[in-house]
Amino acid sequence: MTRAQLTDEEWVFIEPYLPIGAYGPYPERLRQQFEGVMWRFRTGGQWREMPQEFGA
């Protein structure tokens, strides 16, 4: 687990506030993608340096 990952309690609090469109499927990896974006902005690293645990 990296420092950018959320605890289950934090995710339960945040998830209802994420804007999910009325059309299209619900993102299967929403939490993984959200944590990847958090990693990017917390570290200032480049997208290509993102750890594999956050997906492609």
N, C-alpha and C. Protein backbone atom coordinates (compact mmCIF):
# COMPACT_ATOMS: atom_id res chain seq x y z
N MET A 1 0.85 -1.18 0.00
CA MET A 1 0.00 0.00 0.00
C MET A 1 0.90 1.24 0.00
N THR A 2 0.63 2.16 -0.91
CA THR A 2 1.39 3.41 -0.94
C THR A 2 0.67 4.44 -0.09
N ARG A 3 1.34 5.53 0.13
CA ARG A 3 0.73 6.57 0.96
C ARG A 3 -0.47 7.24 0.31
N ALA A 4 -0.65 7.00 -0.99
CA ALA A 4 -1.78 7.60 -1.69
C ALA A 4 -3.04 6.77 -1.59
N GLN A 5 -2.93 5.56 -1.09
CA GLN A 5 -4.11 4.71 -1.04
C GLN A 5 -5.00 5.07 0.15
N LEU A 6 -6.28 4.90 -0.07
CA LEU A 6 -7.27 5.22 0.95
C LEU A 6 -7.59 4.01 1.81
N THR A 7 -7.97 4.27 3.03
CA THR A 7 -8.48 3.19 3.86
C THR A 7 -9.91 2.91 3.43
N ASP A 8 -10.46 1.78 3.84
CA ASP A 8 -11.83 1.45 3.48
C ASP A 8 -12.81 2.49 4.05
N GLU A 9 -12.54 2.98 5.25
CA GLU A 9 -13.42 3.98 5.86
C GLU A 9 -13.40 5.28 5.06
N GLU A 10 -12.22 5.70 4.59
CA GLU A 10 -12.14 6.91 3.79
C GLU A 10 -12.89 6.75 2.47
N TRP A 11 -12.75 5.58 1.84
CA TRP A 11 -13.42 5.33 0.57
C TRP A 11 -14.93 5.35 0.73
N VAL A 12 -15.45 4.77 1.80
CA VAL A 12 -16.90 4.76 2.05
C VAL A 12 -17.40 6.20 2.18
N PHE A 13 -16.59 7.06 2.76
CA PHE A 13 -16.98 8.47 2.92
C PHE A 13 -16.95 9.22 1.59
N ILE A 14 -15.95 8.98 0.75
CA ILE A 14 -15.75 9.73 -0.49
C ILE A 14 -16.62 9.26 -1.64
N GLU A 15 -16.81 7.96 -1.78
CA GLU A 15 -17.48 7.38 -2.95
C GLU A 15 -18.82 8.02 -3.31
N PRO A 16 -19.71 8.30 -2.36
CA PRO A 16 -21.00 8.88 -2.74
C PRO A 16 -20.90 10.27 -3.38
N TYR A 17 -19.79 10.96 -3.18
CA TYR A 17 -19.63 12.32 -3.70
C TYR A 17 -18.99 12.37 -5.08
N LEU A 18 -18.55 11.24 -5.61
CA LEU A 18 -17.93 11.24 -6.93
C LEU A 18 -19.00 11.34 -8.00
N PRO A 19 -18.77 12.21 -8.99
CA PRO A 19 -19.77 12.39 -10.04
C PRO A 19 -19.74 11.24 -11.04
N ILE A 20 -20.77 10.44 -11.03
CA ILE A 20 -20.91 9.34 -11.97
C ILE A 20 -22.04 9.72 -12.92
N GLY A 21 -21.75 9.67 -14.23
CA GLY A 21 -22.75 10.06 -15.22
C GLY A 21 -23.96 9.16 -15.22
N ALA A 22 -25.05 9.67 -15.75
CA ALA A 22 -26.29 8.91 -15.82
C ALA A 22 -26.24 7.85 -16.92
N TYR A 23 -25.31 8.00 -17.85
CA TYR A 23 -25.22 7.07 -18.97
C TYR A 23 -23.89 6.31 -18.91
N GLY A 24 -23.93 5.11 -19.39
CA GLY A 24 -22.72 4.31 -19.45
C GLY A 24 -22.54 3.45 -18.21
N PRO A 25 -21.64 2.50 -18.29
CA PRO A 25 -21.43 1.59 -17.16
C PRO A 25 -20.67 2.27 -16.02
N TYR A 26 -20.91 1.81 -14.83
CA TYR A 26 -20.19 2.28 -13.66
C TYR A 26 -18.74 1.81 -13.76
N PRO A 27 -17.77 2.69 -13.60
CA PRO A 27 -16.38 2.27 -13.72
C PRO A 27 -16.04 1.15 -12.74
N GLU A 28 -15.53 0.04 -13.26
CA GLU A 28 -15.22 -1.11 -12.42
C GLU A 28 -14.04 -0.84 -11.49
N ARG A 29 -13.13 -0.01 -11.94
CA ARG A 29 -11.93 0.26 -11.16
C ARG A 29 -11.92 1.69 -10.64
N LEU A 30 -13.05 2.20 -10.25
CA LEU A 30 -13.17 3.59 -9.84
C LEU A 30 -12.21 3.93 -8.70
N ARG A 31 -12.15 3.08 -7.70
CA ARG A 31 -11.27 3.36 -6.56
C ARG A 31 -9.81 3.35 -7.00
N GLN A 32 -9.43 2.39 -7.82
CA GLN A 32 -8.05 2.30 -8.30
C GLN A 32 -7.70 3.55 -9.12
N GLN A 33 -8.59 3.98 -9.97
CA GLN A 33 -8.35 5.16 -10.79
C GLN A 33 -8.29 6.43 -9.93
N PHE A 34 -9.18 6.53 -8.96
CA PHE A 34 -9.20 7.69 -8.07
C PHE A 34 -7.89 7.78 -7.29
N GLU A 35 -7.42 6.65 -6.77
CA GLU A 35 -6.17 6.64 -6.02
C GLU A 35 -4.97 6.96 -6.92
N GLY A 36 -5.03 6.55 -8.19
CA GLY A 36 -3.98 6.90 -9.13
C GLY A 36 -3.89 8.40 -9.36
N VAL A 37 -5.03 9.04 -9.48
CA VAL A 37 -5.06 10.49 -9.65
C VAL A 37 -4.54 11.16 -8.38
N MET A 38 -4.94 10.66 -7.23
CA MET A 38 -4.44 11.22 -5.97
C MET A 38 -2.92 11.08 -5.88
N TRP A 39 -2.39 9.93 -6.29
CA TRP A 39 -0.94 9.71 -6.27
C TRP A 39 -0.25 10.76 -7.14
N ARG A 40 -0.80 10.99 -8.32
CA ARG A 40 -0.20 11.93 -9.27
C ARG A 40 -0.10 13.32 -8.67
N PHE A 41 -1.16 13.79 -8.05
CA PHE A 41 -1.16 15.16 -7.54
C PHE A 41 -0.45 15.29 -6.20
N ARG A 42 -0.40 14.24 -5.41
CA ARG A 42 0.34 14.29 -4.15
C ARG A 42 1.85 14.28 -4.36
N THR A 43 2.30 13.48 -5.31
CA THR A 43 3.74 13.32 -5.50
C THR A 43 4.31 14.28 -6.52
N GLY A 44 3.49 14.75 -7.44
CA GLY A 44 3.99 15.59 -8.51
C GLY A 44 4.73 14.79 -9.57
N GLY A 45 4.65 13.46 -9.46
CA GLY A 45 5.31 12.59 -10.43
C GLY A 45 4.62 12.63 -11.78
N GLN A 46 5.31 12.15 -12.78
CA GLN A 46 4.73 12.09 -14.10
C GLN A 46 3.84 10.86 -14.22
N TRP A 47 2.89 10.92 -15.16
CA TRP A 47 1.96 9.81 -15.34
C TRP A 47 2.71 8.53 -15.65
N ARG A 48 3.78 8.61 -16.43
CA ARG A 48 4.51 7.39 -16.81
C ARG A 48 5.26 6.77 -15.64
N GLU A 49 5.42 7.50 -14.53
CA GLU A 49 6.08 6.99 -13.34
C GLU A 49 5.11 6.35 -12.35
N MET A 50 3.84 6.34 -12.69
CA MET A 50 2.81 5.84 -11.78
C MET A 50 3.02 4.36 -11.49
N PRO A 51 2.93 3.95 -10.23
CA PRO A 51 3.07 2.53 -9.88
C PRO A 51 2.02 1.67 -10.58
N GLN A 52 2.37 0.45 -10.92
CA GLN A 52 1.48 -0.48 -11.63
C GLN A 52 0.21 -0.80 -10.85
N GLU A 53 0.23 -0.68 -9.54
CA GLU A 53 -0.94 -1.01 -8.73
C GLU A 53 -2.15 -0.14 -9.03
N PHE A 54 -1.94 1.00 -9.71
CA PHE A 54 -3.03 1.90 -10.05
C PHE A 54 -3.56 1.64 -11.45
N GLY A 55 -2.99 0.70 -12.15
CA GLY A 55 -3.46 0.36 -13.49
C GLY A 55 -2.77 1.17 -14.58
N ALA A 56 -3.17 0.89 -15.79
CA ALA A 56 -2.54 1.58 -16.94
C ALA A 56 -3.10 2.97 -17.11
